[in-house]
Protein backbone atom coordinates (compact mmCIF):
# COMPACT_ATOMS: atom_id res chain seq x y z
CA UNK A 1 -7.78 19.46 17.96
CA UNK A 2 -6.66 15.88 18.34
CA UNK A 3 -7.18 13.74 15.28
CA UNK A 4 -7.21 10.24 16.82
CA UNK A 5 -5.94 7.13 15.10
CA UNK A 6 -8.82 4.92 14.07
CA UNK A 7 -7.74 1.36 13.22
CA UNK A 8 -9.97 -0.17 10.54
CA UNK A 9 -9.73 -3.97 10.49
CA UNK A 10 -8.66 -5.03 7.04
CA UNK A 11 -9.68 -8.02 4.95
CA UNK A 12 -8.15 -10.57 2.63
CA UNK A 13 -8.99 -10.30 -1.10
CA UNK A 14 -8.37 -13.64 -2.79
CA UNK A 15 -7.79 -13.22 -6.57
CA UNK A 16 -10.12 -15.50 -8.56
CA UNK A 17 -8.20 -15.25 -11.86
CA UNK A 18 -5.75 -13.19 -13.78
CA UNK A 19 -2.04 -13.75 -13.47
CA UNK A 20 -2.18 -14.83 -9.86
CA UNK A 21 -5.19 -16.98 -9.03
CA UNK A 22 -5.45 -17.64 -5.31
CA UNK A 23 -3.20 -14.64 -4.49
CA UNK A 24 -4.10 -12.82 -1.30
CA UNK A 25 -4.14 -9.03 -0.90
CA UNK A 26 -4.68 -6.96 2.25
CA UNK A 27 -7.44 -4.29 1.69
CA UNK A 28 -10.35 -2.41 3.06
CA UNK A 29 -13.11 -0.68 1.16
CA UNK A 30 -12.23 2.93 0.75
CA UNK A 31 -15.51 4.29 2.10
CA UNK A 32 -14.38 3.34 5.67
CA UNK A 33 -11.29 5.49 5.17
CA UNK A 34 -13.32 8.39 3.71
CA UNK A 35 -15.92 8.29 6.50
CA UNK A 36 -13.27 8.40 9.25
CA UNK A 37 -11.50 11.21 7.60
CA UNK A 38 -14.70 13.23 7.05
CA UNK A 39 -15.53 12.73 10.73
CA UNK A 40 -12.18 14.20 11.74
CA UNK A 41 -10.17 11.04 12.56
CA UNK A 42 -7.01 9.60 11.10
CA UNK A 43 -7.73 6.29 9.42
CA UNK A 44 -5.26 3.39 9.64
CA UNK A 45 -5.80 0.06 7.94
CA UNK A 46 -4.93 -2.94 10.08
CA UNK A 47 -3.77 -5.94 8.00
CA UNK A 48 -4.76 -9.45 9.04
CA UNK A 49 -1.92 -11.07 11.07
CA UNK A 50 -1.78 -14.18 13.14
CA UNK A 51 0.29 -13.47 16.30
CA UNK A 52 -1.65 -12.12 19.32
CA UNK A 53 1.24 -10.16 20.78
CA UNK A 54 1.55 -8.27 17.51
CA UNK A 55 -2.17 -7.79 17.25
CA UNK A 56 -2.03 -6.29 20.75
CA UNK A 57 0.70 -3.89 19.57
CA UNK A 58 -1.52 -2.85 16.63
CA UNK A 59 -4.44 -2.13 18.97
CA UNK A 60 -2.38 -0.37 21.60
CA UNK A 61 -1.25 2.11 18.97
CA UNK A 62 -4.86 2.98 17.96
CA UNK A 63 -7.31 5.24 19.77
CA UNK A 64 -10.30 3.15 18.67
CA UNK A 65 -11.19 0.24 16.34
CA UNK A 66 -13.63 -0.28 13.49
CA UNK A 67 -14.36 -3.90 12.71
CA UNK A 68 -15.24 -3.79 9.03
CA UNK A 69 -17.56 -6.01 6.96
CA UNK A 70 -16.54 -9.08 5.03
CA UNK A 71 -17.00 -12.81 4.85
CA UNK A 72 -19.53 -14.83 6.95
CA UNK A 73 -18.53 -15.74 10.52
CA UNK A 74 -17.66 -19.37 11.10
CA UNK A 75 -20.57 -20.96 13.11
CA UNK A 76 -18.14 -23.19 14.90
CA UNK A 77 -17.11 -20.09 16.86
CA UNK A 78 -20.51 -19.99 18.53
CA UNK A 79 -20.97 -23.78 18.79
CA UNK A 80 -23.01 -24.64 15.66
CA UNK A 81 -22.40 -26.68 12.57
CA UNK A 82 -22.64 -24.87 9.16
CA UNK A 83 -26.12 -24.94 7.66
CA UNK A 84 -26.85 -25.29 3.93
CA UNK A 85 -26.99 -21.48 3.47
CA UNK A 86 -23.81 -20.59 5.38
CA UNK A 87 -21.59 -18.48 3.14
CA UNK A 88 -17.88 -18.26 2.32
CA UNK A 89 -15.59 -18.57 5.31
CA UNK A 90 -12.14 -17.13 5.93
CA UNK A 91 -10.54 -18.65 9.06
CA UNK A 92 -7.66 -16.13 9.02
CA UNK A 93 -10.07 -13.22 9.20
CA UNK A 94 -12.12 -14.91 11.93
CA UNK A 95 -9.04 -15.62 14.05
CA UNK A 96 -7.72 -12.05 13.54
CA UNK A 97 -11.08 -10.46 14.46
CA UNK A 98 -11.26 -12.51 17.68
CA UNK A 99 -7.83 -11.41 18.71
CA UNK A 100 -8.57 -7.76 17.83
CA UNK A 101 -11.76 -7.88 19.94
CA UNK A 102 -9.96 -9.58 22.86
CA UNK A 103 -7.17 -6.92 22.75
CA UNK A 104 -9.53 -3.97 22.36
CA UNK A 105 -11.66 -5.06 25.30
CA UNK A 106 -8.58 -5.71 27.48
CA UNK A 107 -7.20 -2.23 26.53
CA UNK A 108 -10.60 -0.46 26.94
CA UNK A 109 -10.56 0.82 23.36
CA UNK A 110 -13.80 2.08 21.76
CA UNK A 111 -15.10 -0.38 19.15
CA UNK A 112 -17.53 0.12 16.24
CA UNK A 113 -18.46 -3.08 14.49
CA UNK A 114 -20.09 -2.82 11.09
CA UNK A 115 -22.08 -5.64 9.32
CA UNK A 116 -19.80 -8.68 9.78
CA UNK A 117 -18.34 -6.51 12.60
CA UNK A 118 -21.53 -6.69 14.71
CA UNK A 119 -21.81 -10.43 14.05
CA UNK A 120 -18.26 -11.35 15.02
CA UNK A 121 -18.39 -9.07 18.00
CA UNK A 122 -21.51 -10.78 19.29
CA UNK A 123 -20.10 -14.26 18.54
CA UNK A 124 -16.69 -13.52 20.16
CA UNK A 125 -18.29 -12.47 23.43
CA UNK A 126 -20.67 -15.33 23.81
CA UNK A 127 -23.65 -14.69 21.51
CA UNK A 128 -24.89 -16.61 18.45
CA UNK A 129 -26.09 -15.89 14.94
CA UNK A 130 -28.71 -16.96 12.48
CA UNK A 131 -26.69 -18.35 9.56
CA UNK A 132 -29.32 -17.10 7.09
CA UNK A 133 -32.39 -14.90 7.43
CA UNK A 134 -34.58 -17.66 6.13
CA UNK A 135 -34.13 -19.27 9.52
CA UNK A 136 -36.00 -16.45 11.18
CA UNK A 137 -39.83 -16.77 11.39
CA UNK A 138 -41.55 -13.59 10.36
CA UNK A 139 -38.59 -12.01 8.55
CA UNK A 140 -40.13 -10.39 5.50
CA UNK A 141 -38.07 -7.25 4.82
CA UNK A 142 -35.57 -7.33 1.96
CA UNK A 143 -32.21 -7.20 3.84
CA UNK A 144 -30.01 -7.62 0.75
CA UNK A 145 -31.00 -4.64 -1.32
CA UNK A 146 -30.49 -4.24 -5.07
CA UNK A 147 -29.39 -0.64 -5.47
CA UNK A 148 -26.46 1.67 -5.09
CA UNK A 149 -24.66 1.11 -1.80
CA UNK A 150 -25.54 4.51 -0.36
CA UNK A 151 -29.26 4.15 -1.04
CA UNK A 152 -31.44 3.80 2.09
CA UNK A 153 -33.59 0.73 1.83
CA UNK A 154 -35.63 0.13 5.04
CA UNK A 155 -36.49 1.68 8.37
CA UNK A 156 -34.76 0.94 11.66
CA UNK A 157 -36.18 1.83 15.06
CA UNK A 158 -33.66 2.87 17.75
CA UNK A 159 -34.24 1.88 21.42
CA UNK A 160 -34.69 4.88 23.73
CA UNK A 161 -31.96 5.34 26.34
CA UNK A 162 -29.24 3.80 24.21
CA UNK A 163 -26.00 5.44 23.11
CA UNK A 164 -27.17 5.02 19.49
CA UNK A 165 -30.44 6.86 20.24
CA UNK A 166 -28.49 9.86 21.42
CA UNK A 167 -26.63 9.80 18.09
CA UNK A 168 -29.53 9.01 15.66
CA UNK A 169 -32.83 9.55 17.37
CA UNK A 170 -35.78 7.21 17.38
CA UNK A 171 -35.91 6.13 13.67
CA UNK A 172 -33.66 6.17 10.60
CA UNK A 173 -33.67 4.71 7.08
CA UNK A 174 -30.61 2.56 6.32
CA UNK A 175 -29.05 0.57 3.53
CA UNK A 176 -28.95 -3.20 3.93
CA UNK A 177 -26.53 -5.91 2.71
CA UNK A 178 -26.61 -8.97 4.98
CA UNK A 179 -28.05 -12.48 5.02
CA UNK A 180 -27.02 -13.30 8.58
CA UNK A 181 -28.17 -11.71 11.87
CA UNK A 182 -27.83 -11.85 15.62
CA UNK A 183 -29.79 -14.67 17.33
CA UNK A 184 -28.76 -14.84 21.00
CA UNK A 185 -27.23 -11.65 22.45
CA UNK A 186 -23.84 -11.81 24.03
CA UNK A 187 -23.75 -11.27 27.86
CA UNK A 188 -23.27 -7.61 28.83
CA UNK A 189 -24.88 -6.33 25.58
CA UNK A 190 -28.31 -4.83 24.94
CA UNK A 191 -30.31 -4.40 21.75
CA UNK A 192 -30.07 -0.83 20.39
CA UNK A 193 -32.05 -1.12 17.21
CA UNK A 194 -34.43 -3.41 15.29
CA UNK A 195 -36.27 -3.48 12.05
CA UNK A 196 -40.05 -3.84 11.84
CA UNK A 197 -39.68 -7.54 11.20
CA UNK A 198 -37.70 -7.98 14.45
CA UNK A 199 -34.17 -8.33 13.10
CA UNK A 200 -31.55 -6.90 15.50
CA UNK A 201 -29.83 -4.07 13.69
CA UNK A 202 -27.60 -2.70 16.47
CA UNK A 203 -26.25 -3.80 19.81
CA UNK A 204 -24.14 -1.94 22.39
CA UNK A 205 -22.16 -2.98 25.51
CA UNK A 206 -23.55 -1.70 28.77
CA UNK A 207 -20.11 -0.37 29.79
CA UNK A 208 -17.79 1.77 27.69
CA UNK A 209 -18.24 2.52 23.94
CA UNK A 210 -18.71 -0.80 22.14
CA UNK A 211 -21.40 -0.68 19.44
CA UNK A 212 -22.30 -3.00 16.67
CA UNK A 213 -24.29 -1.98 13.65
CA UNK A 214 -25.76 -4.28 11.00
CA UNK A 215 -26.10 -1.79 8.12
CA UNK A 216 -23.24 0.03 6.36
CA UNK A 217 -23.10 3.61 7.59
CA UNK A 218 -19.74 4.18 5.88
CA UNK A 219 -21.35 3.73 2.39
CA UNK A 220 -23.87 6.40 3.29
CA UNK A 221 -21.61 8.75 5.23
CA UNK A 222 -19.19 9.10 2.27
CA UNK A 223 -22.17 10.50 0.32
CA UNK A 224 -22.70 13.16 2.99
CA UNK A 225 -25.52 11.43 4.87
CA UNK A 226 -25.27 13.53 8.07
CA UNK A 227 -26.94 10.97 10.33
CA UNK A 228 -24.48 8.26 9.32
CA UNK A 229 -21.54 10.57 9.54
CA UNK A 230 -22.59 11.38 13.07
CA UNK A 231 -21.82 7.69 14.04
CA UNK A 232 -18.26 8.22 12.98
CA UNK A 233 -18.08 11.68 14.62
CA UNK A 234 -19.18 10.12 17.87
CA UNK A 235 -16.53 7.47 17.55
CA UNK A 236 -13.90 10.21 16.99
CA UNK A 237 -15.27 12.12 20.00
CA UNK A 238 -14.93 9.25 22.39
CA UNK A 239 -11.57 8.22 20.93
CA UNK A 240 -10.26 11.77 21.65
CA UNK A 241 -11.15 11.28 25.29
CA UNK A 242 -9.22 8.02 25.62
CA UNK A 243 -5.65 8.09 26.92
């Protein structure tokens, strides 16, 4: 059986102290790697680079892409000025993610965006974000939980007829670690899941396999949560069909 190459978008870790303050390291949280491996894929960490032609070479070599979590998305990308509650920005990561998404769409590669991944995916393709959940009227659920990463914190309702519904069914309990959320949906996408207070928790492109998820399934899948692991298994399945 083919074990497709799953490119996991890396991040920049900026040392805050020690011997090399300000030093940058390429990394990704290991639960992404573990989840892909558990699901039957071959994980490959993609370091942040700045040249589009080289980014395209990276993406061409992969069977599918996971856009991992990380820093807040720069609101200038979707035409807004930063608000008071906008978090830490990393222009290098923003620019890299935008190039990854452009190349993956051009090459028709399956994409799974997680947390920041759903947000940058939406922003890159013409949507907007709430810079903080406090900007959303009626938002009452605790979306930044205080517990172990794999603990399920709130319910999410899946929209019938979506790809995500075929993977997860109509309702699941997820973890939650975000203070931003989708506002205006990018053209060509539809909402695939929401919380009871109306926050968009998943989107998917109408064509192909391009899904964004606001929670962190990789944190739960590594602890043998079968529903969350099924998300990665589906990615592996569609990646195996791509030539």
